[in-house]
Amino acid sequence: MKKNIKISIGLTTAGLLTLLGLLLVELQTREASVRPFQEVAIGGAFSLTNEKGEARSEADFAGAPMLIYFGFTYCPDVCPMSLDVMGAALETLEAQNPKLFAALQPVFISVDPLRDTPEQLGEYLSYFHPKISGLTGTPEQIAMVKKAFRVYAVRRDLPEETAQDKGSYNVDHSSFFYLMDGKGRYLAHFDHGLEAQSLAQKIAAKLR
């Protein structure tokens, strides 16, 4: 009987050790897969066209930190409000930190390449801040840059009764400001709902 108890205890101990080992492996696997956001690969090479019709790639922005927002010119509310915040944050930086303002390149990248032509981007961005550069491209080029920055954007056709013309549609998309360093590396992302002063402070803190 005592021998059976010892065997049972031995098996139980072995089972517990096995279970603990499995738990440790699981925890290590989770720790390896759940990385801080800044360690995730965000950004990369792109080939797009600016609001002047000029070809632009990531190499053209080398040496300049970038503040990037993805949206579209037909956006009814979120994009114009976000660009208002971006423009006001730029004005704050210009007044409080002119050196940083001069170095920073704000960029608006379209997620609606079918309608956002260079001319459309130029007219749209003129309402916000003169330093914001617009980028668009072919559907394939936009798909690549969306993937590189892990941007969610999906076309949604509008109901006929609300559509202004045949084929009208909206684009559901994620709404963040991405801050990249002068080498095109991800530094941080900020929610579009930030106040301009707070956004300017966070940018300055990351680029000090």
Protein backbone atom coordinates (compact mmCIF):
# COMPACT_ATOMS: atom_id res chain seq x y z
CA MET A 1 0.00 0.00 0.00
CA LYS A 2 2.76 2.48 0.94
CA LYS A 3 4.55 1.53 -2.25
CA ASN A 4 1.43 2.32 -4.27
CA ILE A 5 1.10 5.66 -2.50
CA LYS A 6 4.72 6.52 -3.31
CA ILE A 7 4.19 5.56 -6.93
CA SER A 8 1.02 7.67 -7.04
CA ILE A 9 2.80 10.64 -5.48
CA GLY A 10 5.66 10.19 -7.93
CA LEU A 11 3.31 10.19 -10.88
CA THR A 12 1.46 13.22 -9.54
CA THR A 13 4.70 15.12 -9.05
CA ALA A 14 5.85 14.22 -12.55
CA GLY A 15 2.49 15.32 -13.92
CA LEU A 16 2.71 18.66 -12.11
CA LEU A 17 6.23 19.25 -13.35
CA THR A 18 5.10 18.47 -16.89
CA LEU A 19 2.17 20.84 -16.53
CA LEU A 20 4.41 23.57 -15.13
CA GLY A 21 6.82 23.04 -17.98
CA LEU A 22 4.02 23.38 -20.51
CA LEU A 23 2.80 26.55 -18.80
CA LEU A 24 6.31 28.04 -18.90
CA VAL A 25 6.59 27.26 -22.60
CA GLU A 26 3.19 28.85 -23.20
CA LEU A 27 4.14 31.98 -21.24
CA GLN A 28 7.46 32.29 -23.08
CA THR A 29 5.66 31.88 -26.41
CA ARG A 30 3.16 34.58 -25.50
CA GLU A 31 5.92 36.89 -24.28
CA ALA A 32 7.77 36.43 -27.57
CA SER A 33 4.66 37.08 -29.66
CA VAL A 34 3.25 40.05 -27.73
CA ARG A 35 5.83 42.76 -28.34
CA PRO A 36 5.58 46.44 -27.49
CA PHE A 37 4.01 48.34 -30.40
CA GLN A 38 7.24 50.15 -31.19
CA GLU A 39 8.98 46.85 -31.90
CA VAL A 40 6.44 45.83 -34.52
CA ALA A 41 7.58 46.37 -38.10
CA ILE A 42 5.62 49.44 -39.22
CA GLY A 43 6.60 51.42 -42.30
CA GLY A 44 8.89 50.60 -45.15
CA ALA A 45 9.50 51.26 -48.82
CA PHE A 46 6.79 52.93 -50.88
CA SER A 47 6.39 54.48 -54.32
CA LEU A 48 3.65 57.11 -54.57
CA THR A 49 2.78 60.43 -56.20
CA ASN A 50 2.48 63.77 -54.42
CA GLU A 51 -0.08 66.53 -54.88
CA LYS A 52 2.10 68.08 -57.60
CA GLY A 53 2.15 64.91 -59.66
CA GLU A 54 5.76 64.13 -58.71
CA ALA A 55 6.92 60.59 -57.93
CA ARG A 56 7.89 60.17 -54.29
CA SER A 57 9.42 57.31 -52.32
CA GLU A 58 10.59 56.86 -48.75
CA ALA A 59 14.08 57.89 -49.91
CA ASP A 60 12.82 61.42 -50.64
CA PHE A 61 12.04 61.87 -46.94
CA ALA A 62 15.33 60.51 -45.63
CA GLY A 63 16.67 62.56 -42.74
CA ALA A 64 13.31 64.09 -41.88
CA PRO A 65 11.03 62.75 -39.15
CA MET A 66 7.54 62.22 -40.56
CA LEU A 67 4.07 62.63 -39.08
CA ILE A 68 1.79 60.50 -41.26
CA TYR A 69 -1.99 60.32 -41.38
CA PHE A 70 -3.97 57.97 -43.63
CA GLY A 71 -7.35 59.13 -44.88
CA PHE A 72 -9.26 60.33 -47.96
CA THR A 73 -10.49 63.65 -49.26
CA TYR A 74 -14.15 62.61 -49.45
CA CYS A 75 -14.14 61.69 -45.74
CA PRO A 76 -17.17 63.37 -44.15
CA ASP A 77 -15.82 64.08 -40.67
CA VAL A 78 -12.91 62.14 -39.13
CA CYS A 79 -10.26 63.12 -41.68
CA PRO A 80 -10.94 66.87 -41.75
CA MET A 81 -11.06 66.96 -37.95
CA SER A 82 -7.79 65.01 -37.74
CA LEU A 83 -6.11 67.29 -40.26
CA ASP A 84 -7.34 70.31 -38.30
CA VAL A 85 -5.59 68.82 -35.26
CA MET A 86 -2.45 68.13 -37.30
CA GLY A 87 -2.40 71.67 -38.65
CA ALA A 88 -2.92 73.23 -35.23
CA ALA A 89 -0.21 71.00 -33.73
CA LEU A 90 2.17 72.16 -36.46
CA GLU A 91 1.40 75.79 -35.65
CA THR A 92 2.11 75.07 -31.98
CA LEU A 93 5.44 73.46 -32.84
CA GLU A 94 6.34 76.36 -35.11
CA ALA A 95 5.80 78.78 -32.24
CA GLN A 96 7.35 76.71 -29.46
CA ASN A 97 9.99 74.63 -31.22
CA PRO A 98 10.83 76.15 -34.63
CA LYS A 99 13.82 73.86 -35.19
CA LEU A 100 11.70 70.74 -34.77
CA PHE A 101 8.93 72.26 -36.88
CA ALA A 102 11.40 72.92 -39.70
CA ALA A 103 12.66 69.33 -39.61
CA LEU A 104 9.28 67.59 -39.33
CA GLN A 105 7.49 66.52 -42.53
CA PRO A 106 3.73 65.99 -42.13
CA VAL A 107 2.21 63.66 -44.73
CA PHE A 108 -1.34 62.72 -45.70
CA ILE A 109 -1.58 59.39 -47.55
CA SER A 110 -4.80 58.59 -49.37
CA VAL A 111 -6.62 55.29 -48.85
CA ASP A 112 -8.93 56.17 -51.78
CA PRO A 113 -6.72 56.10 -54.89
CA LEU A 114 -9.66 55.95 -57.32
CA ARG A 115 -10.89 59.44 -56.41
CA ASP A 116 -7.89 61.10 -54.75
CA THR A 117 -5.93 62.38 -57.71
CA PRO A 118 -2.90 64.63 -57.14
CA GLU A 119 -5.04 67.65 -58.06
CA GLN A 120 -7.76 66.61 -55.63
CA LEU A 121 -5.18 66.19 -52.84
CA GLY A 122 -3.66 69.59 -53.52
CA GLU A 123 -6.99 71.38 -53.34
CA TYR A 124 -8.09 69.49 -50.24
CA LEU A 125 -4.89 69.97 -48.23
CA SER A 126 -4.81 73.70 -48.97
CA TYR A 127 -7.53 74.09 -46.34
CA PHE A 128 -5.32 72.79 -43.53
CA HIS A 129 -1.60 73.55 -43.37
CA PRO A 130 0.79 74.43 -46.23
CA LYS A 131 3.47 72.07 -44.95
CA ILE A 132 1.32 68.93 -45.24
CA SER A 133 2.30 66.90 -48.29
CA GLY A 134 -0.26 64.62 -49.92
CA LEU A 135 0.52 61.23 -51.42
CA THR A 136 -1.62 58.99 -53.59
CA GLY A 137 -1.00 56.28 -56.17
CA THR A 138 -2.45 53.31 -57.97
CA PRO A 139 -4.66 50.87 -56.03
CA GLU A 140 -1.73 48.47 -55.95
CA GLN A 141 0.67 51.10 -54.59
CA ILE A 142 -1.80 52.18 -51.93
CA ALA A 143 -2.43 48.55 -50.95
CA MET A 144 1.31 48.10 -50.42
CA VAL A 145 1.74 51.18 -48.24
CA LYS A 146 -1.37 50.28 -46.21
CA LYS A 147 0.13 46.86 -45.57
CA ALA A 148 3.50 48.34 -44.63
CA PHE A 149 1.89 50.63 -42.03
CA ARG A 150 -0.74 48.09 -40.97
CA VAL A 151 -3.57 50.43 -41.88
CA TYR A 152 -7.13 49.18 -42.00
CA ALA A 153 -9.20 50.66 -44.85
CA VAL A 154 -12.25 49.10 -46.50
CA ARG A 155 -14.59 50.56 -49.11
CA ARG A 156 -18.28 50.73 -48.17
CA ASP A 157 -20.85 51.49 -50.85
CA LEU A 158 -23.45 54.01 -49.74
CA PRO A 159 -27.19 53.29 -49.90
CA GLU A 160 -28.81 54.73 -53.04
CA GLU A 161 -30.92 57.15 -51.04
CA THR A 162 -27.85 58.75 -49.43
CA ALA A 163 -25.45 58.54 -52.38
CA GLN A 164 -24.83 61.88 -54.05
CA ASP A 165 -24.15 60.22 -57.37
CA LYS A 166 -24.02 56.77 -58.85
CA GLY A 167 -21.14 54.79 -57.43
CA SER A 168 -20.64 56.96 -54.33
CA TYR A 169 -18.94 55.19 -51.46
CA ASN A 170 -17.25 55.74 -48.12
CA VAL A 171 -14.00 54.25 -46.80
CA ASP A 172 -13.90 52.88 -43.28
CA HIS A 173 -10.35 53.25 -42.01
CA SER A 174 -8.18 53.31 -38.90
CA SER A 175 -7.34 56.81 -37.71
CA PHE A 176 -3.91 57.37 -36.19
CA PHE A 177 -1.00 59.75 -36.54
CA TYR A 178 2.20 57.76 -37.14
CA LEU A 179 5.48 59.33 -36.05
CA MET A 180 8.56 58.06 -37.89
CA ASP A 181 12.16 59.06 -37.29
CA GLY A 182 14.58 60.41 -39.89
CA LYS A 183 15.46 56.87 -40.98
CA GLY A 184 11.87 55.86 -41.60
CA ARG A 185 11.61 53.86 -38.37
CA TYR A 186 8.45 53.80 -36.32
CA LEU A 187 8.56 55.82 -33.09
CA ALA A 188 4.96 56.10 -31.92
CA HIS A 189 1.34 56.39 -32.94
CA PHE A 190 -1.21 58.84 -31.57
CA ASP A 191 -4.98 58.72 -31.59
CA HIS A 192 -6.69 61.21 -33.89
CA GLY A 193 -8.83 62.40 -30.97
CA LEU A 194 -5.91 64.15 -29.25
CA GLU A 195 -6.03 67.90 -28.78
CA ALA A 196 -3.51 69.79 -30.88
CA GLN A 197 -1.47 70.98 -27.90
CA SER A 198 -1.18 67.43 -26.58
CA LEU A 199 -0.16 66.10 -29.99
CA ALA A 200 2.53 68.75 -30.32
CA GLN A 201 3.87 67.91 -26.86
CA LYS A 202 3.98 64.18 -27.59
CA ILE A 203 5.79 64.74 -30.89
CA ALA A 204 8.35 67.00 -29.22
CA ALA A 205 8.88 64.47 -26.42
CA LYS A 206 9.58 61.66 -28.89
CA LEU A 207 11.92 63.71 -31.06
CA ARG A 208 13.91 65.55 -28.38
